[in-house]
N, C-alpha and C. Protein backbone atom coordinates (compact mmCIF):
# COMPACT_ATOMS: atom_id res chain seq x y z
N UNK A 1 157.11 155.05 91.78
CA UNK A 1 157.68 154.61 90.52
C UNK A 1 157.85 155.81 89.58
N UNK A 2 159.07 156.06 89.15
CA UNK A 2 159.32 157.18 88.27
C UNK A 2 159.11 156.76 86.81
N UNK A 3 158.41 157.60 86.10
CA UNK A 3 158.09 157.32 84.69
C UNK A 3 158.96 158.20 83.80
N UNK A 4 159.57 157.57 82.79
CA UNK A 4 160.37 158.29 81.80
C UNK A 4 159.76 158.08 80.42
N UNK A 5 159.79 159.14 79.64
CA UNK A 5 159.23 159.09 78.29
C UNK A 5 160.30 159.55 77.30
N UNK A 6 160.47 158.79 76.24
CA UNK A 6 161.38 159.17 75.17
C UNK A 6 160.61 159.34 73.87
N UNK A 7 160.93 160.38 73.12
CA UNK A 7 160.20 160.66 71.87
C UNK A 7 161.18 160.80 70.73
N UNK A 8 161.02 159.96 69.72
CA UNK A 8 161.79 160.07 68.48
C UNK A 8 160.95 160.85 67.48
N UNK A 9 161.52 161.92 66.97
CA UNK A 9 160.77 162.86 66.12
C UNK A 9 161.20 162.71 64.67
N UNK A 10 160.24 162.54 63.79
CA UNK A 10 160.50 162.59 62.36
C UNK A 10 159.56 163.62 61.73
N UNK A 11 159.65 163.77 60.44
CA UNK A 11 158.90 164.83 59.78
C UNK A 11 157.39 164.71 60.00
N UNK A 12 156.88 163.49 59.93
CA UNK A 12 155.43 163.32 59.94
C UNK A 12 154.87 162.65 61.19
N UNK A 13 155.74 162.07 62.02
CA UNK A 13 155.19 161.35 63.17
C UNK A 13 156.14 161.38 64.34
N UNK A 14 155.59 161.02 65.50
CA UNK A 14 156.34 160.92 66.73
C UNK A 14 156.21 159.50 67.25
N UNK A 15 157.33 158.85 67.50
CA UNK A 15 157.33 157.53 68.13
C UNK A 15 157.66 157.72 69.60
N UNK A 16 156.84 157.15 70.45
CA UNK A 16 156.92 157.39 71.89
C UNK A 16 157.13 156.07 72.62
N UNK A 17 158.04 156.09 73.59
CA UNK A 17 158.26 154.90 74.43
C UNK A 17 158.23 155.34 75.88
N UNK A 18 157.62 154.50 76.72
CA UNK A 18 157.44 154.83 78.15
C UNK A 18 158.07 153.73 78.99
N UNK A 19 158.86 154.14 79.96
CA UNK A 19 159.41 153.20 80.93
C UNK A 19 158.98 153.61 82.33
N UNK A 20 158.77 152.62 83.19
CA UNK A 20 159.12 151.20 83.05
C UNK A 20 158.04 150.31 82.43
N UNK A 21 156.92 150.87 82.02
CA UNK A 21 155.83 150.03 81.51
C UNK A 21 156.17 149.35 80.20
N UNK A 22 157.07 149.98 79.39
CA UNK A 22 157.41 149.41 78.10
C UNK A 22 156.41 149.74 77.00
N UNK A 23 155.43 150.57 77.33
CA UNK A 23 154.41 150.94 76.33
C UNK A 23 155.03 151.77 75.21
N UNK A 24 154.62 151.49 73.98
CA UNK A 24 155.05 152.27 72.82
C UNK A 24 153.83 152.64 71.98
N UNK A 25 153.87 153.82 71.41
CA UNK A 25 152.81 154.23 70.49
C UNK A 25 153.35 155.33 69.60
N UNK A 26 152.58 155.65 68.57
CA UNK A 26 152.99 156.70 67.64
C UNK A 26 151.81 157.63 67.39
N UNK A 27 152.12 158.91 67.19
CA UNK A 27 151.09 159.89 66.83
C UNK A 27 151.63 160.73 65.68
N UNK A 28 150.74 161.39 64.98
CA UNK A 28 151.15 162.28 63.89
C UNK A 28 151.82 163.52 64.46
N UNK A 29 152.77 164.07 63.70
CA UNK A 29 153.41 165.31 64.16
C UNK A 29 152.62 166.49 63.61
N UNK A 30 151.41 166.63 64.13
CA UNK A 30 150.55 167.75 63.77
C UNK A 30 149.76 168.15 65.00
N UNK A 31 148.85 169.10 64.82
CA UNK A 31 148.11 169.60 65.97
C UNK A 31 147.33 168.53 66.71
N UNK A 32 146.62 167.68 65.96
CA UNK A 32 145.83 166.62 66.60
C UNK A 32 146.74 165.61 67.30
N UNK A 33 147.85 165.27 66.63
CA UNK A 33 148.78 164.31 67.22
C UNK A 33 149.39 164.82 68.51
N UNK A 34 149.77 166.09 68.52
CA UNK A 34 150.34 166.67 69.73
C UNK A 34 149.33 166.73 70.87
N UNK A 35 148.08 167.06 70.52
CA UNK A 35 147.03 167.08 71.55
C UNK A 35 146.83 165.69 72.14
N UNK A 36 146.85 164.66 71.28
CA UNK A 36 146.72 163.27 71.74
C UNK A 36 147.90 162.89 72.62
N UNK A 37 149.10 163.30 72.21
CA UNK A 37 150.30 163.00 73.00
C UNK A 37 150.19 163.58 74.41
N UNK A 38 149.85 164.86 74.50
CA UNK A 38 149.75 165.51 75.81
C UNK A 38 148.69 164.85 76.67
N UNK A 39 147.55 164.52 76.06
CA UNK A 39 146.46 163.89 76.81
C UNK A 39 146.89 162.53 77.38
N UNK A 40 147.77 161.81 76.67
CA UNK A 40 148.20 160.50 77.13
C UNK A 40 149.32 160.59 78.17
N UNK A 41 150.12 161.65 78.09
CA UNK A 41 151.26 161.76 79.00
C UNK A 41 150.90 162.39 80.34
N UNK A 42 150.00 163.36 80.34
CA UNK A 42 149.72 164.09 81.58
C UNK A 42 149.26 163.18 82.73
N UNK A 43 148.38 162.20 82.50
CA UNK A 43 147.97 161.34 83.64
C UNK A 43 149.13 160.52 84.21
N UNK A 44 150.20 160.33 83.43
CA UNK A 44 151.34 159.52 83.89
C UNK A 44 152.25 160.30 84.84
N UNK A 45 152.14 161.63 84.84
CA UNK A 45 153.01 162.49 85.65
C UNK A 45 154.47 162.05 85.54
N UNK A 46 155.02 162.07 84.31
CA UNK A 46 156.38 161.55 84.13
C UNK A 46 157.44 162.36 84.87
N UNK A 47 158.50 161.67 85.26
CA UNK A 47 159.67 162.34 85.86
C UNK A 47 160.37 163.20 84.83
N UNK A 48 160.36 162.71 83.57
CA UNK A 48 161.02 163.45 82.49
C UNK A 48 160.47 163.00 81.15
N UNK A 49 160.31 163.96 80.24
CA UNK A 49 160.01 163.67 78.84
C UNK A 49 161.24 164.12 78.05
N UNK A 50 161.92 163.17 77.42
CA UNK A 50 163.15 163.46 76.68
C UNK A 50 162.86 163.45 75.19
N UNK A 51 163.23 164.54 74.53
CA UNK A 51 163.06 164.69 73.08
C UNK A 51 164.44 164.89 72.48
N UNK A 52 164.79 164.09 71.48
CA UNK A 52 166.09 164.22 70.85
C UNK A 52 166.09 165.38 69.87
N UNK A 53 167.15 166.19 69.91
CA UNK A 53 167.29 167.30 68.97
C UNK A 53 167.58 166.73 67.58
N UNK A 54 166.71 167.00 66.62
CA UNK A 54 166.84 166.37 65.31
C UNK A 54 166.95 167.37 64.18
N UNK A 55 167.31 168.61 64.46
CA UNK A 55 167.52 169.57 63.38
C UNK A 55 166.32 170.42 63.05
N UNK A 56 165.36 170.52 63.93
CA UNK A 56 164.24 171.43 63.70
C UNK A 56 162.87 170.83 63.89
N UNK A 57 162.70 169.55 63.53
CA UNK A 57 161.38 168.94 63.64
C UNK A 57 160.91 168.84 65.08
N UNK A 58 161.84 168.86 66.03
CA UNK A 58 161.48 168.68 67.43
C UNK A 58 160.97 169.95 68.09
N UNK A 59 161.11 171.10 67.43
CA UNK A 59 160.84 172.37 68.11
C UNK A 59 159.38 172.50 68.53
N UNK A 60 158.46 172.26 67.61
CA UNK A 60 157.04 172.40 67.95
C UNK A 60 156.62 171.33 68.96
N UNK A 61 157.28 170.17 68.93
CA UNK A 61 157.00 169.11 69.91
C UNK A 61 157.41 169.58 71.30
N UNK A 62 158.62 170.13 71.39
CA UNK A 62 159.09 170.66 72.67
C UNK A 62 158.19 171.78 73.16
N UNK A 63 157.72 172.61 72.24
CA UNK A 63 156.83 173.70 72.62
C UNK A 63 155.53 173.17 73.22
N UNK A 64 154.97 172.14 72.59
CA UNK A 64 153.72 171.57 73.10
C UNK A 64 153.91 170.94 74.47
N UNK A 65 155.02 170.21 74.65
CA UNK A 65 155.29 169.56 75.93
C UNK A 65 155.55 170.60 77.02
N UNK A 66 156.39 171.59 76.71
CA UNK A 66 156.67 172.64 77.68
C UNK A 66 155.44 173.45 78.01
N UNK A 67 154.62 173.73 76.99
CA UNK A 67 153.41 174.50 77.21
C UNK A 67 152.39 173.76 78.06
N UNK A 68 152.49 172.43 78.07
CA UNK A 68 151.57 171.62 78.89
C UNK A 68 152.08 171.46 80.33
N UNK A 69 153.26 172.04 80.61
CA UNK A 69 153.79 171.97 81.96
C UNK A 69 154.45 170.65 82.30
N UNK A 70 154.76 169.82 81.31
CA UNK A 70 155.44 168.56 81.56
C UNK A 70 156.95 168.78 81.65
N UNK A 71 157.65 168.00 82.48
CA UNK A 71 159.10 168.17 82.63
C UNK A 71 159.82 167.74 81.36
N UNK A 72 160.57 168.64 80.77
CA UNK A 72 161.11 168.45 79.43
C UNK A 72 162.62 168.62 79.41
N UNK A 73 163.29 167.79 78.62
CA UNK A 73 164.70 168.00 78.30
C UNK A 73 164.90 167.65 76.83
N UNK A 74 165.53 168.54 76.09
CA UNK A 74 165.93 168.27 74.71
C UNK A 74 167.35 167.74 74.79
N UNK A 75 167.54 166.49 74.37
CA UNK A 75 168.81 165.80 74.64
C UNK A 75 169.69 165.74 73.40
N UNK A 76 170.98 165.57 73.66
CA UNK A 76 172.02 165.56 72.65
C UNK A 76 171.96 164.28 71.83
N UNK A 77 171.79 164.35 70.51
CA UNK A 77 171.70 163.13 69.69
C UNK A 77 172.97 162.31 69.69
N UNK A 78 174.14 162.98 69.78
CA UNK A 78 175.40 162.23 69.79
C UNK A 78 175.50 161.37 71.05
N UNK A 79 175.08 161.92 72.18
CA UNK A 79 175.12 161.16 73.43
C UNK A 79 174.16 159.97 73.38
N UNK A 80 172.99 160.18 72.80
CA UNK A 80 172.02 159.09 72.66
C UNK A 80 172.58 158.01 71.74
N UNK A 81 173.24 158.43 70.66
CA UNK A 81 173.81 157.47 69.71
C UNK A 81 174.91 156.63 70.38
N UNK A 82 175.76 157.28 71.16
CA UNK A 82 176.82 156.54 71.86
C UNK A 82 176.23 155.58 72.89
N UNK A 83 175.16 156.01 73.54
CA UNK A 83 174.50 155.14 74.51
C UNK A 83 173.91 153.91 73.81
N UNK A 84 173.33 154.11 72.62
CA UNK A 84 172.77 152.99 71.86
C UNK A 84 173.87 151.99 71.48
N UNK A 85 175.03 152.52 71.10
CA UNK A 85 176.15 151.64 70.75
C UNK A 85 176.60 150.84 71.97
N UNK A 86 176.60 151.48 73.13
CA UNK A 86 176.99 150.79 74.36
C UNK A 86 176.01 149.67 74.71
N UNK A 87 174.74 149.90 74.35
CA UNK A 87 173.72 148.88 74.61
C UNK A 87 173.74 147.77 73.57
N UNK A 88 174.47 148.00 72.49
CA UNK A 88 174.49 147.03 71.40
C UNK A 88 173.25 147.09 70.53
N UNK A 89 172.58 148.24 70.53
CA UNK A 89 171.37 148.41 69.73
C UNK A 89 171.77 148.75 68.29
N UNK A 90 171.77 147.73 67.44
CA UNK A 90 172.18 147.94 66.05
C UNK A 90 171.01 148.24 65.13
N UNK A 91 169.83 147.76 65.50
CA UNK A 91 168.65 148.02 64.67
C UNK A 91 168.36 149.51 64.66
N UNK A 92 167.91 150.01 63.53
CA UNK A 92 167.65 151.44 63.40
C UNK A 92 166.23 151.63 62.90
N UNK A 93 165.30 151.73 63.84
CA UNK A 93 163.91 152.04 63.51
C UNK A 93 163.45 153.13 64.45
N UNK A 94 162.39 153.83 64.08
CA UNK A 94 161.88 154.90 64.94
C UNK A 94 161.46 154.36 66.30
N UNK A 95 160.86 153.17 66.30
CA UNK A 95 160.40 152.59 67.57
C UNK A 95 161.58 152.26 68.47
N UNK A 96 162.63 151.68 67.89
CA UNK A 96 163.83 151.36 68.67
C UNK A 96 164.50 152.64 69.16
N UNK A 97 164.56 153.66 68.30
CA UNK A 97 165.16 154.94 68.69
C UNK A 97 164.43 155.55 69.89
N UNK A 98 163.11 155.47 69.88
CA UNK A 98 162.34 156.02 70.99
C UNK A 98 162.66 155.28 72.28
N UNK A 99 162.80 153.97 72.19
CA UNK A 99 163.14 153.18 73.39
C UNK A 99 164.52 153.57 73.91
N UNK A 100 165.48 153.75 73.00
CA UNK A 100 166.85 154.10 73.41
C UNK A 100 166.86 155.48 74.09
N UNK A 101 166.11 156.43 73.54
CA UNK A 101 166.04 157.76 74.14
C UNK A 101 165.48 157.66 75.55
N UNK A 102 164.46 156.83 75.73
CA UNK A 102 163.86 156.66 77.06
C UNK A 102 164.85 156.03 78.03
N UNK A 103 165.54 154.99 77.59
CA UNK A 103 166.51 154.32 78.45
C UNK A 103 167.68 155.24 78.78
N UNK A 104 168.07 156.06 77.81
CA UNK A 104 169.13 157.05 78.04
C UNK A 104 168.71 158.02 79.14
N UNK A 105 167.47 158.51 79.04
CA UNK A 105 166.97 159.45 80.05
C UNK A 105 166.88 158.79 81.42
N UNK A 106 166.45 157.54 81.46
CA UNK A 106 166.30 156.83 82.72
C UNK A 106 167.67 156.56 83.35
N UNK A 107 168.67 156.27 82.51
CA UNK A 107 170.00 155.92 83.03
C UNK A 107 170.81 157.14 83.43
N UNK A 108 170.69 158.23 82.68
CA UNK A 108 171.55 159.39 82.92
C UNK A 108 170.88 160.46 83.78
N UNK A 109 169.56 160.35 83.95
CA UNK A 109 168.81 161.30 84.78
C UNK A 109 169.11 162.76 84.45
N UNK A 110 168.96 163.17 83.18
CA UNK A 110 169.13 164.60 82.90
C UNK A 110 168.12 165.39 83.69
N UNK A 111 168.59 166.45 84.31
CA UNK A 111 167.72 167.21 85.20
C UNK A 111 166.71 168.02 84.39
N UNK A 112 165.41 167.78 84.63
CA UNK A 112 164.42 168.61 83.93
C UNK A 112 164.57 170.06 84.37
N UNK A 113 164.46 170.95 83.44
CA UNK A 113 164.66 172.36 83.74
C UNK A 113 163.31 173.07 83.62
N UNK A 114 162.66 173.34 84.75
CA UNK A 114 161.32 173.92 84.70
C UNK A 114 161.29 175.24 83.95
N UNK A 115 160.23 175.43 83.18
CA UNK A 115 160.05 176.67 82.47
C UNK A 115 159.37 177.68 83.38
N UNK A 116 159.75 178.94 83.28
CA UNK A 116 159.01 179.97 84.02
C UNK A 116 157.54 179.95 83.61
N UNK A 117 156.67 180.34 84.53
CA UNK A 117 155.23 180.30 84.25
C UNK A 117 154.87 181.07 82.99
N UNK A 118 155.52 182.24 82.80
CA UNK A 118 155.17 183.04 81.63
C UNK A 118 155.59 182.35 80.34
N UNK A 119 156.73 181.62 80.37
CA UNK A 119 157.18 180.90 79.18
C UNK A 119 156.24 179.74 78.88
N UNK A 120 155.80 179.05 79.93
CA UNK A 120 154.86 177.94 79.75
C UNK A 120 153.57 178.42 79.10
N UNK A 121 153.03 179.52 79.60
CA UNK A 121 151.78 180.04 79.05
C UNK A 121 151.97 180.52 77.62
N UNK A 122 153.10 181.18 77.36
CA UNK A 122 153.37 181.67 76.01
C UNK A 122 153.45 180.52 75.02
N UNK A 123 154.17 179.45 75.38
CA UNK A 123 154.28 178.31 74.49
C UNK A 123 152.92 177.66 74.25
N UNK A 124 152.12 177.53 75.29
CA UNK A 124 150.79 176.95 75.13
C UNK A 124 149.96 177.79 74.16
N UNK A 125 150.03 179.10 74.29
CA UNK A 125 149.27 180.00 73.42
C UNK A 125 149.77 179.94 71.98
N UNK A 126 151.09 179.89 71.81
CA UNK A 126 151.66 179.84 70.46
C UNK A 126 151.29 178.55 69.75
N UNK A 127 151.37 177.43 70.46
CA UNK A 127 151.04 176.14 69.84
C UNK A 127 149.55 176.08 69.50
N UNK A 128 148.71 176.60 70.39
CA UNK A 128 147.27 176.61 70.12
C UNK A 128 146.96 177.47 68.91
N UNK A 129 147.58 178.64 68.83
CA UNK A 129 147.35 179.53 67.68
C UNK A 129 147.85 178.91 66.39
N UNK A 130 148.99 178.24 66.47
CA UNK A 130 149.53 177.58 65.28
C UNK A 130 148.56 176.52 64.75
N UNK A 131 147.99 175.76 65.68
CA UNK A 131 147.04 174.74 65.27
C UNK A 131 145.82 175.37 64.60
N UNK A 132 145.36 176.50 65.13
CA UNK A 132 144.22 177.19 64.53
C UNK A 132 144.53 177.64 63.10
N UNK A 133 145.74 178.17 62.89
CA UNK A 133 146.13 178.64 61.56
C UNK A 133 146.16 177.49 60.57
N UNK A 134 146.74 176.36 61.00
CA UNK A 134 146.82 175.19 60.12
C UNK A 134 145.42 174.70 59.75
N UNK A 135 144.51 174.70 60.73
CA UNK A 135 143.13 174.27 60.46
C UNK A 135 142.46 175.22 59.46
N UNK A 136 142.68 176.53 59.63
CA UNK A 136 142.09 177.50 58.71
C UNK A 136 142.63 177.32 57.29
N UNK A 137 143.92 177.03 57.17
CA UNK A 137 144.50 176.79 55.85
C UNK A 137 143.87 175.58 55.19
N UNK A 138 143.70 174.51 55.97
CA UNK A 138 143.07 173.32 55.42
C UNK A 138 141.64 173.58 54.98
N UNK A 139 140.90 174.37 55.77
CA UNK A 139 139.51 174.69 55.43
C UNK A 139 139.44 175.50 54.14
N UNK A 140 140.35 176.47 53.98
CA UNK A 140 140.36 177.27 52.76
C UNK A 140 140.69 176.43 51.53
N UNK A 141 141.62 175.50 51.69
CA UNK A 141 141.96 174.62 50.57
C UNK A 141 140.78 173.74 50.17
N UNK A 142 140.07 173.24 51.17
CA UNK A 142 138.89 172.42 50.87
C UNK A 142 137.79 173.27 50.24
N UNK A 143 137.63 174.48 50.74
CA UNK A 143 136.61 175.38 50.21
C UNK A 143 136.88 175.71 48.74
N UNK A 144 138.15 175.85 48.42
CA UNK A 144 138.52 176.21 47.04
C UNK A 144 138.12 175.14 46.04
N UNK A 145 138.00 173.90 46.48
CA UNK A 145 137.64 172.82 45.56
C UNK A 145 136.17 172.91 45.15
N UNK A 146 135.36 173.65 45.91
CA UNK A 146 133.93 173.71 45.63
C UNK A 146 133.49 175.04 45.02
N UNK A 147 134.44 175.94 44.80
CA UNK A 147 134.10 177.27 44.30
C UNK A 147 134.47 177.44 42.83
N UNK A 148 133.77 178.36 42.14
CA UNK A 148 134.16 178.67 40.77
C UNK A 148 135.54 179.32 40.73
N UNK A 149 136.14 179.33 39.56
CA UNK A 149 137.54 179.76 39.40
C UNK A 149 137.79 181.15 39.99
N UNK A 150 136.89 182.10 39.73
CA UNK A 150 137.10 183.47 40.20
C UNK A 150 137.19 183.54 41.73
N UNK A 151 136.35 182.75 42.39
CA UNK A 151 136.34 182.77 43.85
C UNK A 151 137.49 181.94 44.45
N UNK A 152 138.03 181.01 43.67
CA UNK A 152 139.19 180.26 44.14
C UNK A 152 140.36 181.19 44.42
N UNK A 153 140.46 182.26 43.61
CA UNK A 153 141.55 183.20 43.80
C UNK A 153 141.46 183.89 45.16
N UNK A 154 140.21 184.09 45.61
CA UNK A 154 140.03 184.66 46.94
C UNK A 154 140.59 183.73 48.01
N UNK A 155 140.31 182.43 47.87
CA UNK A 155 140.84 181.45 48.81
C UNK A 155 142.36 181.43 48.77
N UNK A 156 142.91 181.54 47.57
CA UNK A 156 144.37 181.52 47.42
C UNK A 156 145.00 182.72 48.11
N UNK A 157 144.34 183.88 48.03
CA UNK A 157 144.88 185.06 48.71
C UNK A 157 144.85 184.89 50.22
N UNK A 158 143.76 184.32 50.73
CA UNK A 158 143.65 184.08 52.16
C UNK A 158 144.71 183.09 52.62
N UNK A 159 144.93 182.04 51.83
CA UNK A 159 145.93 181.03 52.17
C UNK A 159 147.33 181.63 52.23
N UNK A 160 147.63 182.53 51.29
CA UNK A 160 148.95 183.18 51.29
C UNK A 160 149.15 184.01 52.57
N UNK A 161 148.09 184.69 52.99
CA UNK A 161 148.17 185.46 54.23
C UNK A 161 148.39 184.53 55.42
N UNK A 162 147.66 183.42 55.44
CA UNK A 162 147.79 182.46 56.54
C UNK A 162 149.17 181.82 56.55
N UNK A 163 149.74 181.56 55.36
CA UNK A 163 151.08 180.99 55.28
C UNK A 163 152.12 181.94 55.89
N UNK A 164 151.97 183.22 55.63
CA UNK A 164 152.89 184.21 56.21
C UNK A 164 152.75 184.23 57.73
N UNK A 165 151.51 184.16 58.20
CA UNK A 165 151.27 184.16 59.65
C UNK A 165 151.85 182.90 60.29
N UNK A 166 151.69 181.77 59.59
CA UNK A 166 152.23 180.51 60.11
C UNK A 166 153.75 180.58 60.21
N UNK A 167 154.39 181.14 59.17
CA UNK A 167 155.84 181.28 59.20
C UNK A 167 156.30 182.15 60.35
N UNK A 168 155.55 183.21 60.62
CA UNK A 168 155.90 184.10 61.72
C UNK A 168 155.74 183.38 63.07
N UNK A 169 154.67 182.61 63.20
CA UNK A 169 154.47 181.83 64.43
C UNK A 169 155.58 180.80 64.61
N UNK A 170 155.98 180.16 63.50
CA UNK A 170 157.07 179.20 63.56
C UNK A 170 158.34 179.85 64.11
N UNK A 171 158.65 181.03 63.62
CA UNK A 171 159.84 181.72 64.07
C UNK A 171 159.74 182.06 65.56
N UNK A 172 158.56 182.49 65.99
CA UNK A 172 158.40 182.86 67.39
C UNK A 172 158.47 181.63 68.30
N UNK A 173 157.89 180.53 67.86
CA UNK A 173 157.98 179.29 68.63
C UNK A 173 159.44 178.85 68.73
N UNK A 174 160.15 178.89 67.60
CA UNK A 174 161.55 178.49 67.58
C UNK A 174 162.37 179.33 68.56
N UNK A 175 162.19 180.64 68.49
CA UNK A 175 162.94 181.54 69.36
C UNK A 175 162.61 181.30 70.82
N UNK A 176 161.33 181.10 71.12
CA UNK A 176 160.90 180.91 72.50
C UNK A 176 161.42 179.60 73.07
N UNK A 177 161.28 178.52 72.30
CA UNK A 177 161.71 177.21 72.79
C UNK A 177 163.22 177.19 73.02
N UNK A 178 163.97 177.70 72.07
CA UNK A 178 165.43 177.66 72.19
C UNK A 178 165.94 178.57 73.30
N UNK A 179 165.09 179.45 73.78
CA UNK A 179 165.48 180.31 74.88
C UNK A 179 165.09 179.78 76.24
N UNK A 180 164.46 178.60 76.31
CA UNK A 180 164.01 178.05 77.59
C UNK A 180 165.11 177.22 78.23
N UNK A 181 165.02 177.00 79.55
CA UNK A 181 166.02 176.17 80.24
C UNK A 181 166.03 174.72 79.76
N UNK A 182 164.92 174.25 79.14
CA UNK A 182 164.85 172.86 78.71
C UNK A 182 165.78 172.58 77.53
N UNK A 183 166.15 173.64 76.81
CA UNK A 183 167.00 173.44 75.64
C UNK A 183 168.45 173.34 76.10
N UNK A 184 169.12 172.26 75.74
CA UNK A 184 170.48 172.05 76.19
C UNK A 184 171.41 173.11 75.61
N UNK A 185 172.58 173.26 76.21
CA UNK A 185 173.53 174.27 75.81
C UNK A 185 173.77 174.25 74.31
N UNK A 186 173.74 175.43 73.67
CA UNK A 186 173.91 175.52 72.22
C UNK A 186 175.17 174.80 71.75
N UNK A 187 176.26 175.05 72.44
CA UNK A 187 177.52 174.45 72.01
C UNK A 187 177.46 172.94 72.07
N UNK A 188 176.82 172.41 73.11
CA UNK A 188 176.67 170.98 73.29
C UNK A 188 175.91 170.37 72.13
N UNK A 189 174.81 171.03 71.70
CA UNK A 189 174.01 170.51 70.60
C UNK A 189 174.74 170.64 69.28
N UNK A 190 175.40 171.77 69.05
CA UNK A 190 176.11 171.99 67.80
C UNK A 190 177.22 170.97 67.62
N UNK A 191 177.93 170.66 68.69
CA UNK A 191 179.04 169.73 68.61
C UNK A 191 178.60 168.32 68.27
N UNK A 192 177.30 168.03 68.45
CA UNK A 192 176.79 166.69 68.14
C UNK A 192 176.47 166.54 66.66
N UNK A 193 176.48 167.64 65.91
CA UNK A 193 176.17 167.57 64.48
C UNK A 193 177.39 167.05 63.74
N UNK A 194 177.24 166.03 62.87
CA UNK A 194 178.39 165.49 62.15
C UNK A 194 179.15 166.60 61.42
N UNK A 195 180.47 166.60 61.58
CA UNK A 195 181.29 167.58 60.89
C UNK A 195 181.50 168.87 61.66
N UNK A 196 180.84 169.02 62.80
CA UNK A 196 180.99 170.22 63.61
C UNK A 196 181.76 169.86 64.88
N UNK A 197 183.01 170.26 64.96
CA UNK A 197 183.84 169.96 66.12
C UNK A 197 183.64 170.98 67.21
N UNK A 198 184.31 170.80 68.34
CA UNK A 198 184.11 171.70 69.49
C UNK A 198 184.52 173.14 69.20
N UNK A 199 185.59 173.33 68.42
CA UNK A 199 186.04 174.69 68.14
C UNK A 199 185.02 175.42 67.28
N UNK A 200 184.55 174.74 66.22
CA UNK A 200 183.53 175.35 65.35
C UNK A 200 182.26 175.60 66.14
N UNK A 201 181.87 174.63 66.96
CA UNK A 201 180.65 174.78 67.75
C UNK A 201 180.76 175.98 68.68
N UNK A 202 181.93 176.14 69.31
CA UNK A 202 182.12 177.26 70.22
C UNK A 202 182.02 178.59 69.48
N UNK A 203 182.59 178.62 68.27
CA UNK A 203 182.55 179.85 67.47
C UNK A 203 181.13 180.18 67.07
N UNK A 204 180.38 179.15 66.64
CA UNK A 204 179.00 179.36 66.22
C UNK A 204 178.14 179.79 67.41
N UNK A 205 178.35 179.16 68.55
CA UNK A 205 177.56 179.51 69.74
C UNK A 205 177.81 180.95 70.15
N UNK A 206 179.07 181.36 70.11
CA UNK A 206 179.39 182.74 70.50
C UNK A 206 178.79 183.73 69.53
N UNK A 207 178.69 183.32 68.28
CA UNK A 207 178.14 184.21 67.26
C UNK A 207 176.63 184.15 67.21
N UNK A 208 176.04 183.32 68.10
CA UNK A 208 174.58 183.13 68.15
C UNK A 208 174.03 182.66 66.82
N UNK A 209 174.82 181.82 66.13
CA UNK A 209 174.35 181.25 64.87
C UNK A 209 173.60 179.98 65.19
N UNK A 210 172.44 179.85 64.65
CA UNK A 210 171.64 178.66 64.92
C UNK A 210 171.58 177.77 63.69
N UNK A 211 171.64 176.48 63.90
CA UNK A 211 171.45 175.52 62.82
C UNK A 211 169.99 175.10 62.87
N UNK A 212 169.29 175.33 61.80
CA UNK A 212 167.87 174.96 61.80
C UNK A 212 167.45 174.51 60.42
N UNK A 213 166.41 173.72 60.38
CA UNK A 213 165.81 173.26 59.14
C UNK A 213 164.36 173.68 59.15
N UNK A 214 163.90 174.26 58.06
CA UNK A 214 162.51 174.72 58.03
C UNK A 214 161.58 173.53 58.23
N UNK A 215 160.60 173.72 59.09
CA UNK A 215 159.64 172.65 59.34
C UNK A 215 158.24 173.23 59.36
N UNK A 216 157.31 172.42 59.04
CA UNK A 216 155.92 172.89 59.00
C UNK A 216 155.00 171.69 58.96
N UNK A 217 153.88 171.80 59.62
CA UNK A 217 152.87 170.76 59.49
C UNK A 217 152.41 170.72 58.05
N UNK A 218 151.89 169.59 57.64
CA UNK A 218 151.37 169.47 56.29
C UNK A 218 149.86 169.42 56.33
N UNK A 219 149.19 170.57 56.27
CA UNK A 219 147.72 170.57 56.35
C UNK A 219 147.12 169.88 55.13
N UNK A 220 145.90 169.42 55.21
CA UNK A 220 145.28 168.75 54.08
C UNK A 220 145.26 169.64 52.86
N UNK A 221 145.61 169.04 51.74
CA UNK A 221 145.62 169.78 50.48
C UNK A 221 144.42 169.37 49.63
N UNK A 222 143.98 170.31 48.82
CA UNK A 222 142.85 170.03 47.95
C UNK A 222 143.24 168.96 46.94
N UNK A 223 142.37 168.03 46.70
CA UNK A 223 142.63 166.98 45.70
C UNK A 223 142.22 167.46 44.31
């Protein structure tokens, strides 16, 4: 029995659907949530984990899945949308979207593109380090709530350094993920963006211009 997994990605959470079991669940789009996701998917040995390209929020998710050695494909949102219309799926919820992505993957059988061993290890290391940085930022913010004003400035300086490191890790994860075989052709993804036709997409792809939206986990903030 082949297992397919579809993941709908939003800013703060991941909605997951599994076929043929029909199981659905959601996890936070943060370090703990990604660790929980991987722990739940690995025993299933899925044929494919399909993640819809959503403008940036999916990158760290793809990195975590690829780094765990799971078969991954980042799929075209326009194709998924057309497939949903063909199914008559008019409801628009994250849970329904995850189911449609899974059914799309099961019906179209996009070929998983294995990552080279070095890319898999690099992604695993980058995601692990990113989680460590986010945890350190949260700890410093909590620590600042218990310190006198003069020492709070020390925490603020440390947080600024960690924020710069996090941004650098984000860029490296983005570059690494988009360079893997699991990432669909640039032109294909660009053409799925509303307002971007094939000619513009081809021009942007040739110019190596990437469309991205800044994304970042939201570590706990001091109250």
